[in-house]
C-alpha atoms as a PDB file:
ATOM      1  CA  UNK A   1      58.397 129.182  84.204  1.00  0.00           C
ATOM      2  CA  UNK A   2      57.795 125.613  83.082  1.00  0.00           C
ATOM      3  CA  UNK A   3      60.831 123.891  80.837  1.00  0.00           C
ATOM      4  CA  UNK A   4      58.947 124.011  77.390  1.00  0.00           C
ATOM      5  CA  UNK A   5      58.448 127.942  78.383  1.00  0.00           C
ATOM      6  CA  UNK A   6      62.211 128.669  78.979  1.00  0.00           C
ATOM      7  CA  UNK A   7      63.797 130.425  76.260  1.00  0.00           C
ATOM      8  CA  UNK A   8      66.765 128.025  75.942  1.00  0.00           C
ATOM      9  CA  UNK A   9      65.914 124.266  76.276  1.00  0.00           C
ATOM     10  CA  UNK A  10      68.827 122.315  77.256  1.00  0.00           C
ATOM     11  CA  UNK A  11      69.345 118.262  77.097  1.00  0.00           C
ATOM     12  CA  UNK A  12      71.859 115.770  76.808  1.00  0.00           C
ATOM     13  CA  UNK A  13      71.450 112.700  74.869  1.00  0.00           C
ATOM     14  CA  UNK A  14      74.178 110.105  73.824  1.00  0.00           C
ATOM     15  CA  UNK A  15      76.920 112.324  75.056  1.00  0.00           C
ATOM     16  CA  UNK A  16      75.790 115.114  72.713  1.00  0.00           C
ATOM     17  CA  UNK A  17      74.558 118.454  74.435  1.00  0.00           C
ATOM     18  CA  UNK A  18      71.401 120.016  72.747  1.00  0.00           C
ATOM     19  CA  UNK A  19      70.589 123.696  72.930  1.00  0.00           C
ATOM     20  CA  UNK A  20      67.336 124.787  71.380  1.00  0.00           C
ATOM     21  CA  UNK A  21      66.725 128.724  70.786  1.00  0.00           C
ATOM     22  CA  UNK A  22      62.921 128.469  72.521  1.00  0.00           C
ATOM     23  CA  UNK A  23      60.866 131.557  71.108  1.00  0.00           C
ATOM     24  CA  UNK A  24      59.253 130.255  68.011  1.00  0.00           C
ATOM     25  CA  UNK A  25      56.625 132.972  68.066  1.00  0.00           C
ATOM     26  CA  UNK A  26      59.491 135.373  67.492  1.00  0.00           C
ATOM     27  CA  UNK A  27      61.473 133.504  65.111  1.00  0.00           C
ATOM     28  CA  UNK A  28      64.064 132.745  68.047  1.00  0.00           C
ATOM     29  CA  UNK A  29      65.259 136.318  68.287  1.00  0.00           C
ATOM     30  CA  UNK A  30      68.129 136.452  70.816  1.00  0.00           C
ATOM     31  CA  UNK A  31      67.504 138.552  74.010  1.00  0.00           C
ATOM     32  CA  UNK A  32      70.356 138.948  76.945  1.00  0.00           C
ATOM     33  CA  UNK A  33      69.082 136.066  79.273  1.00  0.00           C
ATOM     34  CA  UNK A  34      69.025 133.790  76.063  1.00  0.00           C
ATOM     35  CA  UNK A  35      72.651 134.811  75.274  1.00  0.00           C
ATOM     36  CA  UNK A  36      73.703 134.317  79.125  1.00  0.00           C
ATOM     37  CA  UNK A  37      72.121 130.727  79.153  1.00  0.00           C
ATOM     38  CA  UNK A  38      73.624 129.596  76.073  1.00  0.00           C
ATOM     39  CA  UNK A  39      77.137 130.734  77.160  1.00  0.00           C
ATOM     40  CA  UNK A  40      76.532 128.988  80.758  1.00  0.00           C
ATOM     41  CA  UNK A  41      75.680 125.770  78.920  1.00  0.00           C
ATOM     42  CA  UNK A  42      78.347 125.785  76.521  1.00  0.00           C
ATOM     43  CA  UNK A  43      80.990 126.485  78.940  1.00  0.00           C
ATOM     44  CA  UNK A  44      79.894 123.677  81.343  1.00  0.00           C
ATOM     45  CA  UNK A  45      79.675 121.305  78.506  1.00  0.00           C
ATOM     46  CA  UNK A  46      83.123 122.344  77.063  1.00  0.00           C
ATOM     47  CA  UNK A  47      84.652 121.370  80.641  1.00  0.00           C
ATOM     48  CA  UNK A  48      82.561 117.904  80.854  1.00  0.00           C
ATOM     49  CA  UNK A  49      84.572 115.082  79.415  1.00  0.00           C
ATOM     50  CA  UNK A  50      81.212 113.149  78.964  1.00  0.00           C
ATOM     51  CA  UNK A  51      80.304 115.614  76.320  1.00  0.00           C
ATOM     52  CA  UNK A  52      81.752 114.981  72.884  1.00  0.00           C
ATOM     53  CA  UNK A  53      79.843 117.426  70.634  1.00  0.00           C
ATOM     54  CA  UNK A  54      76.915 120.122  70.786  1.00  0.00           C
ATOM     55  CA  UNK A  55      73.927 120.789  68.589  1.00  0.00           C
ATOM     56  CA  UNK A  56      72.162 124.002  68.331  1.00  0.00           C
ATOM     57  CA  UNK A  57      68.941 124.760  66.552  1.00  0.00           C
ATOM     58  CA  UNK A  58      65.721 126.510  66.876  1.00  0.00           C
ATOM     59  CA  UNK A  59      62.391 125.893  67.945  1.00  0.00           C
ATOM     60  CA  UNK A  60      59.545 125.570  65.316  1.00  0.00           C
ATOM     61  CA  UNK A  61      60.215 125.131  61.568  1.00  0.00           C
ATOM     62  CA  UNK A  62      60.220 128.841  60.602  1.00  0.00           C
ATOM     63  CA  UNK A  63      63.634 130.120  61.840  1.00  0.00           C
ATOM     64  CA  UNK A  64      66.968 128.982  63.298  1.00  0.00           C
ATOM     65  CA  UNK A  65      67.309 132.729  64.617  1.00  0.00           C
ATOM     66  CA  UNK A  66      66.249 135.788  62.802  1.00  0.00           C
ATOM     67  CA  UNK A  67      68.544 138.136  64.925  1.00  0.00           C
ATOM     68  CA  UNK A  68      68.872 140.052  67.988  1.00  0.00           C
ATOM     69  CA  UNK A  69      65.521 141.391  69.637  1.00  0.00           C
ATOM     70  CA  UNK A  70      65.591 144.871  68.202  1.00  0.00           C
ATOM     71  CA  UNK A  71      62.539 146.186  69.883  1.00  0.00           C
ATOM     72  CA  UNK A  72      64.309 145.435  73.228  1.00  0.00           C
ATOM     73  CA  UNK A  73      67.459 147.376  71.918  1.00  0.00           C
ATOM     74  CA  UNK A  74      65.370 150.299  71.004  1.00  0.00           C
ATOM     75  CA  UNK A  75      63.587 150.689  74.323  1.00  0.00           C
ATOM     76  CA  UNK A  76      66.769 150.171  76.376  1.00  0.00           C
ATOM     77  CA  UNK A  77      68.485 153.413  74.348  1.00  0.00           C
ATOM     78  CA  UNK A  78      65.160 155.326  74.632  1.00  0.00           C
ATOM     79  CA  UNK A  79      64.832 154.635  78.411  1.00  0.00           C
ATOM     80  CA  UNK A  80      68.574 155.760  78.886  1.00  0.00           C
ATOM     81  CA  UNK A  81      69.869 152.489  80.465  1.00  0.00           C
ATOM     82  CA  UNK A  82      72.622 150.486  79.051  1.00  0.00           C
ATOM     83  CA  UNK A  83      71.026 147.100  78.473  1.00  0.00           C
ATOM     84  CA  UNK A  84      71.387 147.616  74.617  1.00  0.00           C
ATOM     85  CA  UNK A  85      75.036 147.944  74.907  1.00  0.00           C
ATOM     86  CA  UNK A  86      75.576 144.888  77.572  1.00  0.00           C
ATOM     87  CA  UNK A  87      73.348 142.665  75.167  1.00  0.00           C
ATOM     88  CA  UNK A  88      75.700 143.516  72.280  1.00  0.00           C
ATOM     89  CA  UNK A  89      78.805 143.158  74.337  1.00  0.00           C
ATOM     90  CA  UNK A  90      77.541 139.696  75.611  1.00  0.00           C
ATOM     91  CA  UNK A  91      76.418 138.508  72.330  1.00  0.00           C
ATOM     92  CA  UNK A  92      79.558 139.035  70.483  1.00  0.00           C
ATOM     93  CA  UNK A  93      81.583 137.567  73.782  1.00  0.00           C
ATOM     94  CA  UNK A  94      79.571 134.485  73.311  1.00  0.00           C
ATOM     95  CA  UNK A  95      79.936 134.490  69.467  1.00  0.00           C
ATOM     96  CA  UNK A  96      83.765 134.819  69.761  1.00  0.00           C
ATOM     97  CA  UNK A  97      83.855 131.932  72.323  1.00  0.00           C
ATOM     98  CA  UNK A  98      82.092 129.725  70.022  1.00  0.00           C
ATOM     99  CA  UNK A  99      84.485 130.187  67.271  1.00  0.00           C
ATOM    100  CA  UNK A 100      87.270 128.750  69.288  1.00  0.00           C
ATOM    101  CA  UNK A 101      85.088 125.873  71.128  1.00  0.00           C
ATOM    102  CA  UNK A 102      86.820 122.913  71.728  1.00  0.00           C
ATOM    103  CA  UNK A 103      84.335 120.436  70.748  1.00  0.00           C
ATOM    104  CA  UNK A 104      82.524 120.205  67.373  1.00  0.00           C
ATOM    105  CA  UNK A 105      79.331 122.570  67.494  1.00  0.00           C
ATOM    106  CA  UNK A 106      76.514 121.519  64.744  1.00  0.00           C
ATOM    107  CA  UNK A 107      74.542 124.441  63.858  1.00  0.00           C
ATOM    108  CA  UNK A 108      71.274 122.973  62.598  1.00  0.00           C
ATOM    109  CA  UNK A 109      70.051 125.978  60.382  1.00  0.00           C
ATOM    110  CA  UNK A 110      66.388 125.165  59.173  1.00  0.00           C
ATOM    111  CA  UNK A 111      64.262 128.434  58.072  1.00  0.00           C
ATOM    112  CA  UNK A 112      65.365 132.227  58.688  1.00  0.00           C
ATOM    113  CA  UNK A 113      69.223 132.385  59.802  1.00  0.00           C
ATOM    114  CA  UNK A 114      69.554 136.380  59.919  1.00  0.00           C
ATOM    115  CA  UNK A 115      71.727 138.814  61.967  1.00  0.00           C
ATOM    116  CA  UNK A 116      72.590 137.363  65.399  1.00  0.00           C
ATOM    117  CA  UNK A 117      71.574 134.040  64.063  1.00  0.00           C
ATOM    118  CA  UNK A 118      74.133 134.235  61.458  1.00  0.00           C
ATOM    119  CA  UNK A 119      76.617 135.195  64.322  1.00  0.00           C
ATOM    120  CA  UNK A 120      75.926 131.843  65.990  1.00  0.00           C
ATOM    121  CA  UNK A 121      75.982 129.853  62.696  1.00  0.00           C
ATOM    122  CA  UNK A 122      79.061 131.077  61.556  1.00  0.00           C
ATOM    123  CA  UNK A 123      80.850 130.512  64.784  1.00  0.00           C
ATOM    124  CA  UNK A 124      79.973 126.974  64.641  1.00  0.00           C
ATOM    125  CA  UNK A 125      82.244 124.198  63.261  1.00  0.00           C
ATOM    126  CA  UNK A 126      79.658 122.552  61.254  1.00  0.00           C
ATOM    127  CA  UNK A 127      76.435 124.671  59.523  1.00  0.00           C
ATOM    128  CA  UNK A 128      73.790 122.449  58.231  1.00  0.00           C
ATOM    129  CA  UNK A 129      71.044 123.909  56.352  1.00  0.00           C
ATOM    130  CA  UNK A 130      67.832 122.496  54.767  1.00  0.00           C
ATOM    131  CA  UNK A 131      66.105 123.754  51.363  1.00  0.00           C
ATOM    132  CA  UNK A 132      63.894 126.035  53.766  1.00  0.00           C
ATOM    133  CA  UNK A 133      66.890 128.169  54.791  1.00  0.00           C
ATOM    134  CA  UNK A 134      67.322 131.747  54.307  1.00  0.00           C
ATOM    135  CA  UNK A 135      70.653 133.227  55.331  1.00  0.00           C
ATOM    136  CA  UNK A 136      71.538 136.830  55.443  1.00  0.00           C
ATOM    137  CA  UNK A 137      72.866 139.965  57.219  1.00  0.00           C
ATOM    138  CA  UNK A 138      69.973 142.445  56.592  1.00  0.00           C
ATOM    139  CA  UNK A 139      71.019 145.286  59.085  1.00  0.00           C
ATOM    140  CA  UNK A 140      71.561 148.088  56.353  1.00  0.00           C
ATOM    141  CA  UNK A 141      67.589 147.863  56.091  1.00  0.00           C
ATOM    142  CA  UNK A 142      67.186 149.062  59.495  1.00  0.00           C
ATOM    143  CA  UNK A 143      70.031 151.532  59.388  1.00  0.00           C
ATOM    144  CA  UNK A 144      72.733 149.272  61.185  1.00  0.00           C
ATOM    145  CA  UNK A 145      75.649 147.337  60.071  1.00  0.00           C
ATOM    146  CA  UNK A 146      76.641 143.792  59.868  1.00  0.00           C
ATOM    147  CA  UNK A 147      77.940 142.870  63.132  1.00  0.00           C
ATOM    148  CA  UNK A 148      78.277 139.590  65.261  1.00  0.00           C
ATOM    149  CA  UNK A 149      81.559 138.984  63.520  1.00  0.00           C
ATOM    150  CA  UNK A 150      80.048 139.931  60.118  1.00  0.00           C
ATOM    151  CA  UNK A 151      83.238 142.305  59.371  1.00  0.00           C
ATOM    152  CA  UNK A 152      85.115 138.934  59.664  1.00  0.00           C
ATOM    153  CA  UNK A 153      83.209 136.384  57.940  1.00  0.00           C
ATOM    154  CA  UNK A 154      81.542 138.405  55.213  1.00  0.00           C
ATOM    155  CA  UNK A 155      84.929 139.756  53.743  1.00  0.00           C
ATOM    156  CA  UNK A 156      86.229 136.408  53.417  1.00  0.00           C
ATOM    157  CA  UNK A 157      83.647 134.944  51.378  1.00  0.00           C
ATOM    158  CA  UNK A 158      84.951 134.598  47.665  1.00  0.00           C
ATOM    159  CA  UNK A 159      85.713 137.791  45.454  1.00  0.00           C
ATOM    160  CA  UNK A 160      83.038 140.676  46.370  1.00  0.00           C
ATOM    161  CA  UNK A 161      80.199 138.295  47.548  1.00  0.00           C
ATOM    162  CA  UNK A 162      80.303 139.289  51.311  1.00  0.00           C
ATOM    163  CA  UNK A 163      80.507 143.038  50.449  1.00  0.00           C
ATOM    164  CA  UNK A 164      77.530 142.680  48.196  1.00  0.00           C
ATOM    165  CA  UNK A 165      75.666 140.467  50.860  1.00  0.00           C
ATOM    166  CA  UNK A 166      76.492 143.255  53.670  1.00  0.00           C
ATOM    167  CA  UNK A 167      75.901 146.492  51.850  1.00  0.00           C
ATOM    168  CA  UNK A 168      72.695 145.493  50.201  1.00  0.00           C
ATOM    169  CA  UNK A 169      71.207 143.092  53.233  1.00  0.00           C
ATOM    170  CA  UNK A 170      70.008 140.538  50.560  1.00  0.00           C
ATOM    171  CA  UNK A 171      69.232 137.212  51.660  1.00  0.00           C
ATOM    172  CA  UNK A 172      70.532 133.757  50.109  1.00  0.00           C
ATOM    173  CA  UNK A 173      69.055 130.453  49.450  1.00  0.00           C
ATOM    174  CA  UNK A 174      70.641 127.051  49.978  1.00  0.00           C
ATOM    175  CA  UNK A 175      72.436 126.625  46.919  1.00  0.00           C
ATOM    176  CA  UNK A 176      74.003 130.017  47.387  1.00  0.00           C
ATOM    177  CA  UNK A 177      74.792 129.376  51.083  1.00  0.00           C
ATOM    178  CA  UNK A 178      76.735 126.229  50.289  1.00  0.00           C
ATOM    179  CA  UNK A 179      78.635 128.227  47.054  1.00  0.00           C
ATOM    180  CA  UNK A 180      79.604 131.252  49.086  1.00  0.00           C
ATOM    181  CA  UNK A 181      81.019 128.838  52.054  1.00  0.00           C
ATOM    182  CA  UNK A 182      78.449 129.903  54.541  1.00  0.00           C
ATOM    183  CA  UNK A 183      76.971 126.453  55.046  1.00  0.00           C
ATOM    184  CA  UNK A 184      78.800 122.862  54.850  1.00  0.00           C
ATOM    185  CA  UNK A 185      75.943 120.603  54.396  1.00  0.00           C
ATOM    186  CA  UNK A 186      72.319 120.635  53.075  1.00  0.00           C
ATOM    187  CA  UNK A 187      69.767 118.101  54.254  1.00  0.00           C
ATOM    188  CA  UNK A 188      66.485 117.635  53.128  1.00  0.00           C
ATOM    189  CA  UNK A 189      63.963 119.214  55.989  1.00  0.00           C
ATOM    190  CA  UNK A 190      62.385 115.641  56.340  1.00  0.00           C
ATOM    191  CA  UNK A 191      65.742 114.049  57.144  1.00  0.00           C
ATOM    192  CA  UNK A 192      66.133 116.158  60.376  1.00  0.00           C
ATOM    193  CA  UNK A 193      64.506 113.398  62.201  1.00  0.00           C
ATOM    194  CA  UNK A 194      66.999 110.970  60.783  1.00  0.00           C
ATOM    195  CA  UNK A 195      70.010 113.194  61.968  1.00  0.00           C
ATOM    196  CA  UNK A 196      68.471 113.168  65.444  1.00  0.00           C
ATOM    197  CA  UNK A 197      67.916 109.423  65.498  1.00  0.00           C
ATOM    198  CA  UNK A 198      71.663 108.834  64.116  1.00  0.00           C
ATOM    199  CA  UNK A 199      72.964 111.382  66.759  1.00  0.00           C
ATOM    200  CA  UNK A 200      70.988 109.107  69.556  1.00  0.00           C
ATOM    201  CA  UNK A 201      72.745 105.851  68.186  1.00  0.00           C
ATOM    202  CA  UNK A 202      76.310 107.119  67.012  1.00  0.00           C
ATOM    203  CA  UNK A 203      79.286 105.185  68.521  1.00  0.00           C
ATOM    204  CA  UNK A 204      81.544 107.978  69.974  1.00  0.00           C
ATOM    205  CA  UNK A 205      84.576 105.885  70.271  1.00  0.00           C
ATOM    206  CA  UNK A 206      86.712 107.586  67.674  1.00  0.00           C
ATOM    207  CA  UNK A 207      87.100 111.262  66.591  1.00  0.00           C
ATOM    208  CA  UNK A 208      83.769 113.033  66.953  1.00  0.00           C
ATOM    209  CA  UNK A 209      84.394 115.459  64.055  1.00  0.00           C
ATOM    210  CA  UNK A 210      85.082 112.641  61.740  1.00  0.00           C
ATOM    211  CA  UNK A 211      82.036 110.879  63.047  1.00  0.00           C
ATOM    212  CA  UNK A 212      79.707 114.045  62.315  1.00  0.00           C
ATOM    213  CA  UNK A 213      81.065 114.416  58.952  1.00  0.00           C
ATOM    214  CA  UNK A 214      80.440 110.796  57.839  1.00  0.00           C
ATOM    215  CA  UNK A 215      77.028 111.121  59.342  1.00  0.00           C
ATOM    216  CA  UNK A 216      76.323 114.378  57.340  1.00  0.00           C
ATOM    217  CA  UNK A 217      77.504 113.302  54.077  1.00  0.00           C
ATOM    218  CA  UNK A 218      75.471 110.296  54.082  1.00  0.00           C
ATOM    219  CA  UNK A 219      72.270 112.383  54.958  1.00  0.00           C
ATOM    220  CA  UNK A 220      73.125 115.412  52.610  1.00  0.00           C
ATOM    221  CA  UNK A 221      71.029 116.203  49.602  1.00  0.00           C
ATOM    222  CA  UNK A 222      72.138 116.169  46.134  1.00  0.00           C
ATOM    223  CA  UNK A 223      69.082 117.873  44.804  1.00  0.00           C
ATOM    224  CA  UNK A 224      69.804 121.673  45.051  1.00  0.00           C
ATOM    225  CA  UNK A 225      69.258 124.135  42.382  1.00  0.00           C
ATOM    226  CA  UNK A 226      72.127 125.957  40.610  1.00  0.00           C
ATOM    227  CA  UNK A 227      73.616 128.849  42.914  1.00  0.00           C
ATOM    228  CA  UNK A 228      72.493 132.475  41.792  1.00  0.00           C
ATOM    229  CA  UNK A 229      75.298 133.980  42.990  1.00  0.00           C
ATOM    230  CA  UNK A 230      77.644 131.704  41.133  1.00  0.00           C
ATOM    231  CA  UNK A 231      75.988 133.154  37.712  1.00  0.00           C
ATOM    232  CA  UNK A 232      75.974 136.884  39.052  1.00  0.00           C
ATOM    233  CA  UNK A 233      79.514 136.521  40.324  1.00  0.00           C
ATOM    234  CA  UNK A 234      81.528 138.131  37.543  1.00  0.00           C
ATOM    235  CA  UNK A 235      79.077 141.423  37.868  1.00  0.00           C
ATOM    236  CA  UNK A 236      79.338 141.316  41.605  1.00  0.00           C
ATOM    237  CA  UNK A 237      82.865 141.242  41.729  1.00  0.00           C
ATOM    238  CA  UNK A 238      83.301 144.173  39.261  1.00  0.00           C
ATOM    239  CA  UNK A 239      80.448 146.237  40.904  1.00  0.00           C
ATOM    240  CA  UNK A 240      81.275 146.112  44.188  1.00  0.00           C
ATOM    241  CA  UNK A 241      84.910 146.359  43.700  1.00  0.00           C
ATOM    242  CA  UNK A 242      84.592 150.241  43.151  1.00  0.00           C
ATOM    243  CA  UNK A 243      85.767 152.507  45.690  1.00  0.00           C
ATOM    244  CA  UNK A 244      82.724 153.912  47.342  1.00  0.00           C
ATOM    245  CA  UNK A 245      78.755 153.326  47.437  1.00  0.00           C
ATOM    246  CA  UNK A 246      78.060 156.133  45.087  1.00  0.00           C
ATOM    247  CA  UNK A 247      80.498 154.380  42.650  1.00  0.00           C
ATOM    248  CA  UNK A 248      79.050 151.186  43.315  1.00  0.00           C
ATOM    249  CA  UNK A 249      75.612 152.683  42.304  1.00  0.00           C
ATOM    250  CA  UNK A 250      76.949 154.256  39.059  1.00  0.00           C
ATOM    251  CA  UNK A 251      78.642 151.122  38.098  1.00  0.00           C
ATOM    252  CA  UNK A 252      75.295 149.207  38.193  1.00  0.00           C
ATOM    253  CA  UNK A 253      73.324 151.976  36.375  1.00  0.00           C
ATOM    254  CA  UNK A 254      76.092 151.593  33.661  1.00  0.00           C
ATOM    255  CA  UNK A 255      75.500 147.797  33.395  1.00  0.00           C
ATOM    256  CA  UNK A 256      75.018 146.988  29.735  1.00  0.00           C
ATOM    257  CA  UNK A 257      75.283 143.144  29.716  1.00  0.00           C
ATOM    258  CA  UNK A 258      71.870 141.822  28.992  1.00  0.00           C
ATOM    259  CA  UNK A 259      72.331 138.842  31.393  1.00  0.00           C
ATOM    260  CA  UNK A 260      73.045 141.081  34.411  1.00  0.00           C
ATOM    261  CA  UNK A 261      71.149 144.343  33.459  1.00  0.00           C
ATOM    262  CA  UNK A 262      67.708 143.367  35.352  1.00  0.00           C
ATOM    263  CA  UNK A 263      69.562 142.209  38.607  1.00  0.00           C
ATOM    264  CA  UNK A 264      71.669 145.462  38.346  1.00  0.00           C
ATOM    265  CA  UNK A 265      68.510 147.524  38.315  1.00  0.00           C
ATOM    266  CA  UNK A 266      66.855 145.598  41.115  1.00  0.00           C
ATOM    267  CA  UNK A 267      70.090 146.211  42.950  1.00  0.00           C
ATOM    268  CA  UNK A 268      70.119 150.176  42.524  1.00  0.00           C
ATOM    269  CA  UNK A 269      66.265 149.914  43.863  1.00  0.00           C
ATOM    270  CA  UNK A 270      67.656 148.156  46.803  1.00  0.00           C
ATOM    271  CA  UNK A 271      70.563 150.461  47.536  1.00  0.00           C
ATOM    272  CA  UNK A 272      68.192 153.294  47.160  1.00  0.00           C
ATOM    273  CA  UNK A 273      65.949 151.988  49.712  1.00  0.00           C
ATOM    274  CA  UNK A 274      68.747 151.656  52.324  1.00  0.00           C
ATOM    275  CA  UNK A 275      70.339 153.919  54.905  1.00  0.00           C
ATOM    276  CA  UNK A 276      73.155 155.754  52.996  1.00  0.00           C
ATOM    277  CA  UNK A 277      75.028 156.179  56.227  1.00  0.00           C
ATOM    278  CA  UNK A 278      74.751 152.593  57.263  1.00  0.00           C
ATOM    279  CA  UNK A 279      75.834 151.188  53.643  1.00  0.00           C
ATOM    280  CA  UNK A 280      78.961 153.580  53.647  1.00  0.00           C
ATOM    281  CA  UNK A 281      79.896 152.356  56.875  1.00  0.00           C
ATOM    282  CA  UNK A 282      79.203 148.914  56.288  1.00  0.00           C
ATOM    283  CA  UNK A 283      81.697 149.032  53.189  1.00  0.00           C
ATOM    284  CA  UNK A 284      84.470 150.538  55.066  1.00  0.00           C
ATOM    285  CA  UNK A 285      83.810 148.105  57.896  1.00  0.00           C
ATOM    286  CA  UNK A 286      83.989 145.030  56.045  1.00  0.00           C
ATOM    287  CA  UNK A 287      87.070 146.229  53.818  1.00  0.00           C
ATOM    288  CA  UNK A 288      89.127 147.081  57.075  1.00  0.00           C
ATOM    289  CA  UNK A 289      87.603 143.702  58.925  1.00  0.00           C
ATOM    290  CA  UNK A 290      89.226 141.894  55.712  1.00  0.00           C
ATOM    291  CA  UNK A 291      92.750 142.505  57.304  1.00  0.00           C
ATOM    292  CA  UNK A 292      91.870 142.057  60.856  1.00  0.00           C
ATOM    293  CA  UNK A 293      91.772 139.338  63.601  1.00  0.00           C
ATOM    294  CA  UNK A 294      88.482 138.013  64.576  1.00  0.00           C
ATOM    295  CA  UNK A 295      89.098 139.569  67.870  1.00  0.00           C
ATOM    296  CA  UNK A 296      89.917 142.824  66.264  1.00  0.00           C
ATOM    297  CA  UNK A 297      86.656 142.670  64.270  1.00  0.00           C
ATOM    298  CA  UNK A 298      84.387 142.037  67.245  1.00  0.00           C
ATOM    299  CA  UNK A 299      86.340 145.045  68.904  1.00  0.00           C
ATOM    300  CA  UNK A 300      85.442 147.485  65.875  1.00  0.00           C
ATOM    301  CA  UNK A 301      81.851 146.385  65.780  1.00  0.00           C
ATOM    302  CA  UNK A 302      81.606 147.141  69.579  1.00  0.00           C
ATOM    303  CA  UNK A 303      83.513 150.514  68.797  1.00  0.00           C
ATOM    304  CA  UNK A 304      81.045 151.713  66.288  1.00  0.00           C
ATOM    305  CA  UNK A 305      78.011 150.205  68.414  1.00  0.00           C
ATOM    306  CA  UNK A 306      78.958 152.606  71.213  1.00  0.00           C
ATOM    307  CA  UNK A 307      78.429 155.519  68.893  1.00  0.00           C
ATOM    308  CA  UNK A 308      75.746 154.091  66.583  1.00  0.00           C
ATOM    309  CA  UNK A 309      72.697 154.565  68.897  1.00  0.00           C
ATOM    310  CA  UNK A 310      73.090 158.248  68.984  1.00  0.00           C
ATOM    311  CA  UNK A 311      74.809 159.001  65.914  1.00  0.00           C
ATOM    312  CA  UNK A 312      73.674 156.364  63.224  1.00  0.00           C
ATOM    313  CA  UNK A 313      70.365 155.370  61.743  1.00  0.00           C
ATOM    314  CA  UNK A 314      69.502 152.457  63.786  1.00  0.00           C
ATOM    315  CA  UNK A 315      66.744 153.882  66.014  1.00  0.00           C
ATOM    316  CA  UNK A 316      64.981 155.406  63.216  1.00  0.00           C
ATOM    317  CA  UNK A 317      65.130 152.063  61.351  1.00  0.00           C
ATOM    318  CA  UNK A 318      63.605 150.293  64.217  1.00  0.00           C
ATOM    319  CA  UNK A 319      61.118 153.227  64.699  1.00  0.00           C
ATOM    320  CA  UNK A 320      59.938 152.741  61.213  1.00  0.00           C
ATOM    321  CA  UNK A 321      60.002 149.020  60.938  1.00  0.00           C
ATOM    322  CA  UNK A 322      58.191 147.756  64.165  1.00  0.00           C
ATOM    323  CA  UNK A 323      57.664 151.006  66.311  1.00  0.00           C
ATOM    324  CA  UNK A 324      55.361 153.249  64.303  1.00  0.00           C
ATOM    325  CA  UNK A 325      55.235 150.436  61.516  1.00  0.00           C
ATOM    326  CA  UNK A 326      55.144 153.020  58.929  1.00  0.00           C
ATOM    327  CA  UNK A 327      57.728 151.674  56.850  1.00  0.00           C
ATOM    328  CA  UNK A 328      59.069 155.075  55.989  1.00  0.00           C
ATOM    329  CA  UNK A 329      62.694 155.727  57.511  1.00  0.00           C
ATOM    330  CA  UNK A 330      63.983 159.477  57.459  1.00  0.00           C
ATOM    331  CA  UNK A 331      67.578 158.348  56.930  1.00  0.00           C
ATOM    332  CA  UNK A 332      70.373 161.169  58.129  1.00  0.00           C
ATOM    333  CA  UNK A 333      71.432 162.154  55.400  1.00  0.00           C
ATOM    334  CA  UNK A 334      68.528 160.831  53.207  1.00  0.00           C
ATOM    335  CA  UNK A 335      70.776 160.566  49.997  1.00  0.00           C
ATOM    336  CA  UNK A 336      74.188 159.295  49.171  1.00  0.00           C
ATOM    337  CA  UNK A 337      74.977 162.996  47.835  1.00  0.00           C
ATOM    338  CA  UNK A 338      74.597 164.745  51.280  1.00  0.00           C
ATOM    339  CA  UNK A 339      76.912 161.909  52.801  1.00  0.00           C
ATOM    340  CA  UNK A 340      80.401 163.224  53.510  1.00  0.00           C
ATOM    341  CA  UNK A 341      83.474 160.825  53.618  1.00  0.00           C
ATOM    342  CA  UNK A 342      84.557 162.492  56.907  1.00  0.00           C
ATOM    343  CA  UNK A 343      81.091 161.495  58.599  1.00  0.00           C
ATOM    344  CA  UNK A 344      81.828 157.809  57.804  1.00  0.00           C
ATOM    345  CA  UNK A 345      85.252 158.002  58.674  1.00  0.00           C
ATOM    346  CA  UNK A 346      84.630 159.715  61.968  1.00  0.00           C
ATOM    347  CA  UNK A 347      83.025 156.367  63.372  1.00  0.00           C
ATOM    348  CA  UNK A 348      86.283 154.543  63.178  1.00  0.00           C
ATOM    349  CA  UNK A 349      88.340 157.462  64.554  1.00  0.00           C
ATOM    350  CA  UNK A 350      90.264 156.280  67.753  1.00  0.00           C
ATOM    351  CA  UNK A 351      90.234 152.499  67.008  1.00  0.00           C
ATOM    352  CA  UNK A 352      93.303 150.826  67.243  1.00  0.00           C
ATOM    353  CA  UNK A 353      93.599 147.044  66.219  1.00  0.00           C
ATOM    354  CA  UNK A 354      94.693 144.689  68.998  1.00  0.00           C
ATOM    355  CA  UNK A 355      94.404 147.672  71.570  1.00  0.00           C
ATOM    356  CA  UNK A 356      92.875 145.149  74.300  1.00  0.00           C
ATOM    357  CA  UNK A 357      89.376 145.991  73.769  1.00  0.00           C
ATOM    358  CA  UNK A 358      87.635 143.729  76.394  1.00  0.00           C
ATOM    359  CA  UNK A 359      84.593 141.546  75.394  1.00  0.00           C
ATOM    360  CA  UNK A 360      82.279 141.345  78.532  1.00  0.00           C
ATOM    361  CA  UNK A 361      80.926 138.045  79.134  1.00  0.00           C
ATOM    362  CA  UNK A 362      78.398 136.355  81.380  1.00  0.00           C
END
């Protein structure tokens, strides 16, 4: 395998470690070898006193990372091996490690940042987007739930915004990413070269974090359209504070304020296309995650993962999207009315916070 075909490209310039997710044809979706390479480089650079900061980006201009390679997860479970569980365990371990990384990590988030890409992005200490960025946790669309630490970072967004994003799977643009706190700076995509040149020339004689903040503040754009979520916030907070998915849906149907009616009708259409089980488990997961530590959130997500391939809707969602490509998933159950609270809560049985759930790492 030649250097430019490697799934992770690693280099060091001017005391900065650069990591590139290098699967542009697959929107830089993560695989187990990529997770292991990222972990290996990050660990070595954390111990190296010559390295002062790390930059992570995706190859190409379409995506930072559009998630994990879900076809491989499907094929692993269908074959009866444990590679899908191993991937999730090691991916979560990488994300948890990044959250507490000793040196500043700048995630350059150009294009799609979805699922597993959000796990890396939200673990980074500096999250830099462009006008092309589209962020989201779209897991419910394939019968899954927001993982990679989503149970920690989503419910900590202002009001009910994180629950709305998790339960619907909707993506956000640059202005919304800044408004929600999912990003720190927005650079015009044409200034990425300027950022790279500045990083190659920076004098690291004083605090690297302060250095990076000053650099990004100087390059950041002020030409960002207004946040759609900010305008919708009163409605989102009211509807998504309802006790369950059925009540949320009914509340949306009852929306009578003209400025929110079209959005509410569209949101109901989105909910009706999603897996009822995935939405209900997501709502429960995020509300529990609001009160859990980061480590317990990852442990709870794994607790659900170990059951989900057999008892959840993920295999059917992947089948419909990328295996048979009929885009007609047969959710179990097919409607909210047929979903019992007992089935939702059964996935959480046996989990105890801070119970020493190990996260396997490379």
